[in-house]
Amino acid sequence: MVKQFDLIATAAFGLEGVVARELEWLGVENAVTENGRVRFKGDFETIARANLWLRTADRVLILLAEGRTCTFEDLFQLVLGIPFEELMGPDACFPVTGKSVKSTLFSVPDCQAITKKAAVERMKKHYGLEWFPENGPKYKLEVSILNDVAMITLDTSGAGLHKRGYRKEAGKAPIKETLAAGMILVSRWKKDRALIDPFCGTGTIPIEAAMIARNIAPGLKREFDFEKWPCFDKEIAVKARREAEAAIDRDIRLHISGSDIDYFAVKQAKDNAAFMGLATDITFQKLDFRAVSSSKQYGFIITNPPYGQRLEEEAEVRELYKAMGAHSKSFPTWSFYVITSFEDFEKCFGRRADKKRKLYNGMLKCNLYQMFGPKPERTPR
């Protein structure tokens, strides 16, 4: 019988619905969205494909236990009931992280210690050992308590899923790969349309767009913690990667470009694209945004401009957004998707957004301003 797990894909606030849609594309049924996460069920094949393909999720977790915990004894018994031996060998390394919000058990170090102690007791009973070397594969556990309800989870991903492997250095105003992919998926951009990022930095938005267009799995060039677990059949990951390689669209011609006034950022963007095999798919150039142009009648501008977080930068950013609005008139039939934490963006830009979506860039609460261009005229058959 195939082992089924209760799974959680964590996500930045505002992207939960996008993650659920991605899971649906992967064939997952009955995914449930909650604040900061999406719950679903699946086996090890689901875990492998979710880690490999999810573009907007932060991590894929196995939910080991969930229950009300108002005392340390409650927490100890909850963890003691988890069959760790089904996943972890006697050499397993199982560090415990934790967090607690609005709960009786507010001391995170104590919650971590109790969780670790209960896990060790369970392992002692099964393996008949008094001491565990913890020099084997890593199993990252987390105890998370919210309103006195504890969740014990096991991280299958390892490094966050935003780490695709191509970005060695971040720019001055970096945007996570997961958020960049989320912006593109929210925009409903199609791969046969032009896309420009006039503040591309080290190239995250154009690279994510090219990966989406070519159907390149975002996790194809990295490893995950679950692949090192003895309980995991290595052939599942081999098969999933083989299928991902075969799914890449190598024939389509793309019209994606990025520009920035920072020479070194543009150089890094070119290197990042080359790492993913996208060097010929994206045009990067050092250019002021006012000089950006296109011969395409229809397209998308998707960008992450400076926000002006410091007070002394506010006047400068206001002028920047006014200039962006003025230059946007050179693209009357294009759609604009701009993310910023600057609350007066619409006023400065000189245009109200057709739609706004609250998103978080790291800890910064932002809005994704969506200004729709007209639909392209249909070509007569």
Protein backbone atom coordinates (compact mmCIF):
# COMPACT_ATOMS: atom_id res chain seq x y z
CA MET A 1 0.00 0.00 0.00
CA VAL A 2 1.30 3.45 -0.98
CA LYS A 3 1.91 5.69 2.02
CA GLN A 4 -0.28 8.81 1.95
CA PHE A 5 0.75 11.95 3.81
CA ASP A 6 -0.98 15.09 4.99
CA LEU A 7 1.08 17.76 3.26
CA ILE A 8 1.47 21.53 3.50
CA ALA A 9 2.89 23.92 0.92
CA THR A 10 3.85 27.13 2.71
CA ALA A 11 3.57 30.41 0.83
CA ALA A 12 3.92 34.15 1.23
CA PHE A 13 0.67 35.89 2.14
CA GLY A 14 -1.25 36.66 -1.04
CA LEU A 15 0.16 33.76 -3.05
CA GLU A 16 -1.83 30.90 -1.45
CA GLY A 17 -4.37 30.84 -4.27
CA VAL A 18 -1.60 30.72 -6.88
CA VAL A 19 0.03 27.77 -5.08
CA ALA A 20 -3.32 25.97 -4.99
CA ARG A 21 -3.69 26.51 -8.73
CA GLU A 22 -0.20 25.12 -9.31
CA LEU A 23 -1.07 22.03 -7.27
CA GLU A 24 -4.19 21.58 -9.38
CA TRP A 25 -1.99 21.66 -12.50
CA LEU A 26 0.07 18.86 -10.92
CA GLY A 27 -3.05 16.73 -10.52
CA VAL A 28 -3.58 17.33 -6.80
CA GLU A 29 -7.25 17.30 -5.82
CA ASN A 30 -9.04 19.02 -2.94
CA ALA A 31 -6.23 21.39 -1.92
CA VAL A 32 -7.34 23.71 0.89
CA THR A 33 -5.98 27.26 1.16
CA GLU A 34 -5.30 28.87 4.53
CA ASN A 35 -3.32 31.93 5.58
CA GLY A 36 0.27 31.31 4.56
CA ARG A 37 -0.22 27.71 3.46
CA VAL A 38 -2.09 25.21 1.32
CA ARG A 39 -3.03 21.78 2.67
CA PHE A 40 -3.20 18.73 0.42
CA LYS A 41 -2.62 14.98 0.44
CA GLY A 42 -0.18 12.82 -1.48
CA ASP A 43 2.50 10.16 -1.51
CA PHE A 44 6.27 10.35 -2.05
CA GLU A 45 5.70 10.87 -5.77
CA THR A 46 3.52 13.89 -4.94
CA ILE A 47 6.24 15.21 -2.63
CA ALA A 48 8.86 14.83 -5.36
CA ARG A 49 6.75 16.54 -8.03
CA ALA A 50 5.62 19.35 -5.70
CA ASN A 51 9.20 20.19 -4.73
CA LEU A 52 10.35 19.99 -8.33
CA TRP A 53 7.52 22.00 -9.92
CA LEU A 54 6.01 24.48 -7.44
CA ARG A 55 7.13 27.96 -8.49
CA THR A 56 5.40 30.06 -5.84
CA ALA A 57 5.55 27.89 -2.68
CA ASP A 58 8.26 28.35 -0.03
CA ARG A 59 8.47 24.76 1.25
CA VAL A 60 6.71 21.40 1.17
CA LEU A 61 6.09 19.97 4.64
CA ILE A 62 4.73 16.69 5.97
CA LEU A 63 2.19 17.31 8.73
CA LEU A 64 3.10 14.71 11.38
CA ALA A 65 0.63 15.72 14.08
CA GLU A 66 -1.81 18.45 15.02
CA GLY A 67 -3.66 19.02 18.27
CA ARG A 68 -4.56 21.33 21.12
CA THR A 69 -1.69 21.87 23.55
CA CYS A 70 -2.13 24.02 26.64
CA THR A 71 0.52 22.25 28.75
CA PHE A 72 3.95 20.79 28.10
CA GLU A 73 2.49 17.36 28.86
CA ASP A 74 -0.05 17.88 26.06
CA LEU A 75 2.77 18.70 23.67
CA PHE A 76 4.92 15.78 24.87
CA GLN A 77 2.11 13.26 24.34
CA LEU A 78 1.23 14.72 20.92
CA VAL A 79 4.83 14.27 19.70
CA LEU A 80 5.25 10.88 21.41
CA GLY A 81 2.41 9.52 19.29
CA ILE A 82 4.19 10.27 15.99
CA PRO A 83 5.64 7.12 14.29
CA PHE A 84 9.06 8.67 13.61
CA GLU A 85 10.54 5.22 13.04
CA GLU A 86 8.58 4.92 9.78
CA LEU A 87 10.62 7.77 8.31
CA MET A 88 13.81 8.08 10.36
CA GLY A 89 16.63 5.61 10.93
CA PRO A 90 18.73 5.43 14.14
CA ASP A 91 21.38 7.74 12.62
CA ALA A 92 18.89 10.45 11.61
CA CYS A 93 19.76 14.07 12.39
CA PHE A 94 16.56 15.75 13.53
CA PRO A 95 16.97 19.39 14.66
CA VAL A 96 13.84 21.14 15.93
CA THR A 97 12.85 24.73 15.20
CA GLY A 98 9.77 26.42 16.60
CA LYS A 99 7.41 29.34 16.82
CA SER A 100 4.49 30.26 19.06
CA VAL A 101 1.84 32.94 18.54
CA LYS A 102 -0.99 33.83 20.95
CA SER A 103 -0.57 30.57 22.89
CA THR A 104 -0.24 29.41 26.51
CA LEU A 105 3.04 27.69 25.62
CA PHE A 106 4.80 30.91 24.64
CA SER A 107 8.42 29.87 25.32
CA VAL A 108 9.72 28.67 21.95
CA PRO A 109 13.00 27.17 23.33
CA ASP A 110 11.00 25.12 25.85
CA CYS A 111 8.60 23.92 23.14
CA GLN A 112 11.55 22.88 21.00
CA ALA A 113 13.14 21.02 23.91
CA ILE A 114 9.92 19.15 24.75
CA THR A 115 9.41 18.20 21.10
CA LYS A 116 12.98 16.92 20.84
CA LYS A 117 12.69 14.97 24.08
CA ALA A 118 9.44 13.27 23.01
CA ALA A 119 10.89 12.38 19.59
CA VAL A 120 13.97 10.84 21.25
CA GLU A 121 11.80 8.85 23.65
CA ARG A 122 9.80 7.46 20.74
CA MET A 123 13.00 6.53 18.89
CA LYS A 124 14.50 4.96 22.04
CA LYS A 125 11.49 2.72 22.46
CA HIS A 126 11.61 1.52 18.85
CA TYR A 127 15.35 1.13 18.32
CA GLY A 128 16.32 0.10 21.87
CA LEU A 129 19.04 2.75 22.03
CA GLU A 130 19.88 5.27 24.74
CA TRP A 131 21.85 7.62 22.53
CA PHE A 132 21.56 8.68 18.89
CA PRO A 133 24.62 9.93 16.96
CA GLU A 134 22.56 12.13 14.56
CA ASN A 135 25.24 11.88 11.87
CA GLY A 136 22.92 10.69 9.11
CA PRO A 137 20.34 12.30 6.78
CA LYS A 138 18.69 15.50 8.02
CA TYR A 139 15.03 15.61 9.05
CA LYS A 140 14.12 19.20 9.96
CA LEU A 141 11.24 19.21 12.44
CA GLU A 142 9.22 22.26 13.44
CA VAL A 143 6.78 22.79 16.29
CA SER A 144 4.41 25.62 15.43
CA ILE A 145 1.74 26.74 17.92
CA LEU A 146 -1.03 29.19 17.09
CA ASN A 147 -3.91 29.88 19.48
CA ASP A 148 -2.94 26.78 21.52
CA VAL A 149 -3.09 24.45 18.49
CA ALA A 150 0.25 22.81 17.77
CA MET A 151 1.42 21.50 14.41
CA ILE A 152 4.45 19.22 14.17
CA THR A 153 5.86 19.25 10.65
CA LEU A 154 8.76 17.70 8.76
CA ASP A 155 10.46 19.75 6.03
CA THR A 156 10.96 17.78 2.80
CA SER A 157 12.57 20.65 0.86
CA GLY A 158 15.71 21.64 2.76
CA ALA A 159 16.71 25.04 1.37
CA GLY A 160 13.70 27.21 0.54
CA LEU A 161 12.11 26.52 -2.84
CA HIS A 162 12.97 30.05 -4.00
CA LYS A 163 16.57 28.85 -4.29
CA ARG A 164 16.56 27.60 -7.88
CA GLY A 165 20.35 27.64 -8.06
CA TYR A 166 20.85 30.39 -10.63
CA ARG A 167 21.10 33.47 -8.42
CA LYS A 168 24.53 33.62 -6.82
CA GLU A 169 24.23 37.26 -5.79
CA ALA A 170 21.19 39.40 -5.03
CA GLY A 171 20.78 42.92 -6.34
CA LYS A 172 20.21 46.08 -4.32
CA ALA A 173 16.43 45.54 -4.21
CA PRO A 174 16.07 41.79 -4.59
CA ILE A 175 12.79 40.01 -5.19
CA LYS A 176 12.39 36.35 -4.30
CA GLU A 177 12.11 33.96 -7.21
CA THR A 178 8.82 32.65 -5.79
CA LEU A 179 7.31 36.15 -5.68
CA ALA A 180 8.56 36.95 -9.19
CA ALA A 181 6.96 33.75 -10.51
CA GLY A 182 3.78 34.62 -8.61
CA MET A 183 3.58 38.04 -10.28
CA ILE A 184 3.93 36.45 -13.70
CA LEU A 185 1.31 33.78 -13.02
CA VAL A 186 -1.10 36.39 -11.61
CA SER A 187 -0.65 38.49 -14.76
CA ARG A 188 -1.77 35.59 -17.02
CA TRP A 189 1.07 36.51 -19.40
CA LYS A 190 1.25 34.18 -22.40
CA LYS A 191 4.55 32.95 -23.77
CA ASP A 192 3.83 34.25 -27.28
CA ARG A 193 3.60 37.83 -25.96
CA ALA A 194 6.44 40.25 -25.29
CA LEU A 195 7.55 40.87 -21.69
CA ILE A 196 9.81 43.64 -20.42
CA ASP A 197 11.23 44.35 -16.97
CA PRO A 198 12.79 47.86 -17.03
CA PHE A 199 14.16 47.48 -13.46
CA CYS A 200 15.41 43.90 -13.83
CA GLY A 201 18.29 43.96 -11.33
CA THR A 202 19.94 40.55 -11.51
CA GLY A 203 17.22 39.26 -13.82
CA THR A 204 14.81 37.38 -11.57
CA ILE A 205 11.52 38.34 -13.28
CA PRO A 206 12.70 37.77 -16.88
CA ILE A 207 14.37 34.47 -15.94
CA GLU A 208 11.28 33.21 -14.12
CA ALA A 209 9.16 34.20 -17.13
CA ALA A 210 11.43 32.31 -19.51
CA MET A 211 11.35 29.25 -17.25
CA ILE A 212 7.54 29.36 -17.21
CA ALA A 213 7.41 29.80 -20.99
CA ARG A 214 9.76 26.90 -21.65
CA ASN A 215 8.08 24.79 -18.95
CA ILE A 216 11.35 24.34 -17.04
CA ALA A 217 10.73 22.88 -13.58
CA PRO A 218 12.15 25.43 -11.08
CA GLY A 219 13.73 22.71 -8.93
CA LEU A 220 15.46 20.90 -11.79
CA LYS A 221 18.99 22.11 -10.93
CA ARG A 222 18.91 21.59 -7.15
CA GLU A 223 18.53 18.86 -4.53
CA PHE A 224 16.00 18.36 -1.73
CA ASP A 225 16.31 16.88 1.76
CA PHE A 226 13.81 14.08 1.13
CA GLU A 227 16.04 12.64 -1.61
CA LYS A 228 18.59 11.64 1.05
CA TRP A 229 16.10 9.80 3.27
CA PRO A 230 16.51 5.99 3.34
CA CYS A 231 12.70 5.62 3.43
CA PHE A 232 12.44 7.36 0.06
CA ASP A 233 12.69 5.34 -3.16
CA LYS A 234 15.40 7.11 -5.18
CA GLU A 235 13.84 5.93 -8.44
CA ILE A 236 10.85 8.22 -7.79
CA ALA A 237 13.06 11.32 -7.96
CA VAL A 238 14.95 9.97 -11.00
CA LYS A 239 11.65 9.41 -12.81
CA ALA A 240 10.28 12.85 -11.82
CA ARG A 241 13.43 14.59 -13.08
CA ARG A 242 13.41 12.58 -16.30
CA GLU A 243 9.80 13.58 -16.92
CA ALA A 244 10.62 17.23 -16.16
CA GLU A 245 13.48 17.21 -18.68
CA ALA A 246 11.20 15.73 -21.32
CA ALA A 247 8.52 18.38 -20.63
CA ILE A 248 10.77 21.34 -21.54
CA ASP A 249 9.58 23.24 -24.61
CA ARG A 250 12.78 23.78 -26.59
CA ASP A 251 11.19 25.12 -29.77
CA ILE A 252 9.26 28.25 -28.83
CA ARG A 253 10.73 31.65 -29.63
CA LEU A 254 10.52 34.12 -26.75
CA HIS A 255 10.34 37.92 -26.67
CA ILE A 256 11.60 38.68 -23.14
CA SER A 257 13.92 41.52 -22.16
CA GLY A 258 15.27 43.16 -19.05
CA SER A 259 17.17 46.35 -18.45
CA ASP A 260 18.72 48.24 -15.56
CA ILE A 261 21.03 51.22 -15.07
CA ASP A 262 23.37 49.10 -12.92
CA TYR A 263 26.03 47.57 -15.19
CA PHE A 264 27.08 44.92 -12.66
CA ALA A 265 23.49 43.84 -12.03
CA VAL A 266 22.93 43.40 -15.76
CA LYS A 267 26.13 41.39 -16.06
CA GLN A 268 24.97 39.13 -13.21
CA ALA A 269 21.56 38.79 -14.86
CA LYS A 270 23.22 37.50 -18.03
CA ASP A 271 25.24 34.99 -16.00
CA ASN A 272 22.12 33.85 -14.13
CA ALA A 273 20.22 33.31 -17.38
CA ALA A 274 23.13 31.38 -18.86
CA PHE A 275 23.20 29.07 -15.82
CA MET A 276 19.59 28.07 -16.59
CA GLY A 277 20.31 27.65 -20.31
CA LEU A 278 18.33 30.79 -21.18
CA ALA A 279 21.12 33.03 -22.50
CA THR A 280 19.58 33.29 -25.98
CA ASP A 281 16.00 33.64 -24.71
CA ILE A 282 16.35 36.94 -22.83
CA THR A 283 17.86 40.23 -23.97
CA PHE A 284 19.55 42.09 -21.09
CA GLN A 285 21.02 45.56 -21.47
CA LYS A 286 22.22 48.48 -19.39
CA LEU A 287 19.56 51.09 -20.02
CA ASP A 288 17.62 53.84 -18.28
CA PHE A 289 13.94 52.91 -18.10
CA ARG A 290 13.03 56.05 -20.07
CA ALA A 291 14.90 54.62 -23.06
CA VAL A 292 13.04 51.30 -23.04
CA SER A 293 11.03 50.66 -26.21
CA SER A 294 9.56 47.81 -28.22
CA SER A 295 8.45 47.11 -31.75
CA LYS A 296 5.69 44.83 -30.42
CA GLN A 297 2.20 46.28 -30.39
CA TYR A 298 1.07 44.24 -27.38
CA GLY A 299 2.97 43.03 -24.37
CA PHE A 300 3.48 43.04 -20.62
CA ILE A 301 5.69 45.18 -18.41
CA ILE A 302 6.17 43.33 -15.12
CA THR A 303 8.56 44.98 -12.72
CA ASN A 304 9.82 45.57 -9.19
CA PRO A 305 11.02 49.21 -9.10
CA PRO A 306 12.67 50.95 -6.12
CA TYR A 307 10.26 51.54 -3.22
CA GLY A 308 11.91 54.42 -1.37
CA GLN A 309 11.85 52.88 2.09
CA ARG A 310 13.92 55.62 3.71
CA LEU A 311 12.33 58.99 4.30
CA GLU A 312 15.04 60.86 2.38
CA GLU A 313 14.27 58.75 -0.71
CA GLU A 314 10.56 59.58 -0.86
CA ALA A 315 10.86 62.65 -3.12
CA GLU A 316 13.18 60.77 -5.46
CA VAL A 317 10.78 57.82 -5.72
CA ARG A 318 7.81 60.10 -6.34
CA GLU A 319 9.66 61.60 -9.31
CA LEU A 320 10.62 58.12 -10.50
CA TYR A 321 7.00 56.94 -10.51
CA LYS A 322 5.85 60.12 -12.26
CA ALA A 323 8.45 59.49 -14.96
CA MET A 324 7.31 55.85 -15.20
CA GLY A 325 3.74 57.02 -15.73
CA ALA A 326 4.81 59.47 -18.40
CA HIS A 327 6.88 56.84 -20.22
CA SER A 328 4.03 54.32 -20.01
CA LYS A 329 2.24 56.40 -22.64
CA SER A 330 4.79 55.00 -25.11
CA PHE A 331 3.14 51.61 -24.50
CA PRO A 332 -0.58 52.43 -24.89
CA THR A 333 -1.63 48.86 -25.69
CA TRP A 334 0.55 47.10 -23.10
CA SER A 335 -0.40 45.77 -19.67
CA PHE A 336 1.53 46.94 -16.58
CA TYR A 337 2.15 44.95 -13.40
CA VAL A 338 4.12 46.89 -10.80
CA ILE A 339 4.85 45.79 -7.23
CA THR A 340 5.72 48.40 -4.61
CA SER A 341 5.17 49.24 -0.96
CA PHE A 342 4.81 52.95 -1.83
CA GLU A 343 1.20 53.82 -1.03
CA ASP A 344 0.94 56.85 -3.35
CA PHE A 345 2.05 54.89 -6.41
CA GLU A 346 -1.19 55.38 -8.39
CA LYS A 347 -1.24 59.11 -7.70
CA CYS A 348 2.36 59.50 -8.85
CA PHE A 349 1.99 57.17 -11.82
CA GLY A 350 -1.06 59.09 -12.95
CA ARG A 351 -3.32 56.11 -13.45
CA ARG A 352 -5.57 54.03 -11.23
CA ALA A 353 -4.94 50.31 -11.22
CA ASP A 354 -7.65 48.10 -12.66
CA LYS A 355 -6.90 45.67 -9.88
CA LYS A 356 -4.68 45.51 -6.79
CA ARG A 357 -3.37 42.45 -4.98
CA LYS A 358 -1.74 42.53 -1.54
CA LEU A 359 1.57 40.67 -1.54
CA TYR A 360 4.60 40.53 0.74
CA ASN A 361 8.12 41.11 -0.54
CA GLY A 362 9.98 39.65 2.42
CA MET A 363 8.49 41.44 5.44
CA LEU A 364 7.31 44.42 3.39
CA LYS A 365 3.59 44.69 2.71
CA CYS A 366 3.20 45.63 -0.94
CA ASN A 367 0.57 45.99 -3.61
CA LEU A 368 0.77 44.48 -7.06
CA TYR A 369 -0.79 47.21 -9.23
CA GLN A 370 -2.39 45.67 -12.31
CA MET A 371 -3.20 47.95 -15.26
CA PHE A 372 -4.67 46.05 -18.16
CA GLY A 373 -4.05 46.87 -21.79
CA PRO A 374 -6.57 46.08 -24.55
CA LYS A 375 -6.77 42.53 -25.84
CA PRO A 376 -4.92 41.97 -29.14
CA GLU A 377 -7.09 42.08 -32.23
CA ARG A 378 -7.86 38.64 -33.55
CA THR A 379 -6.10 37.69 -36.75
CA PRO A 380 -8.64 36.61 -39.39
CA ARG A 381 -8.38 32.97 -40.33
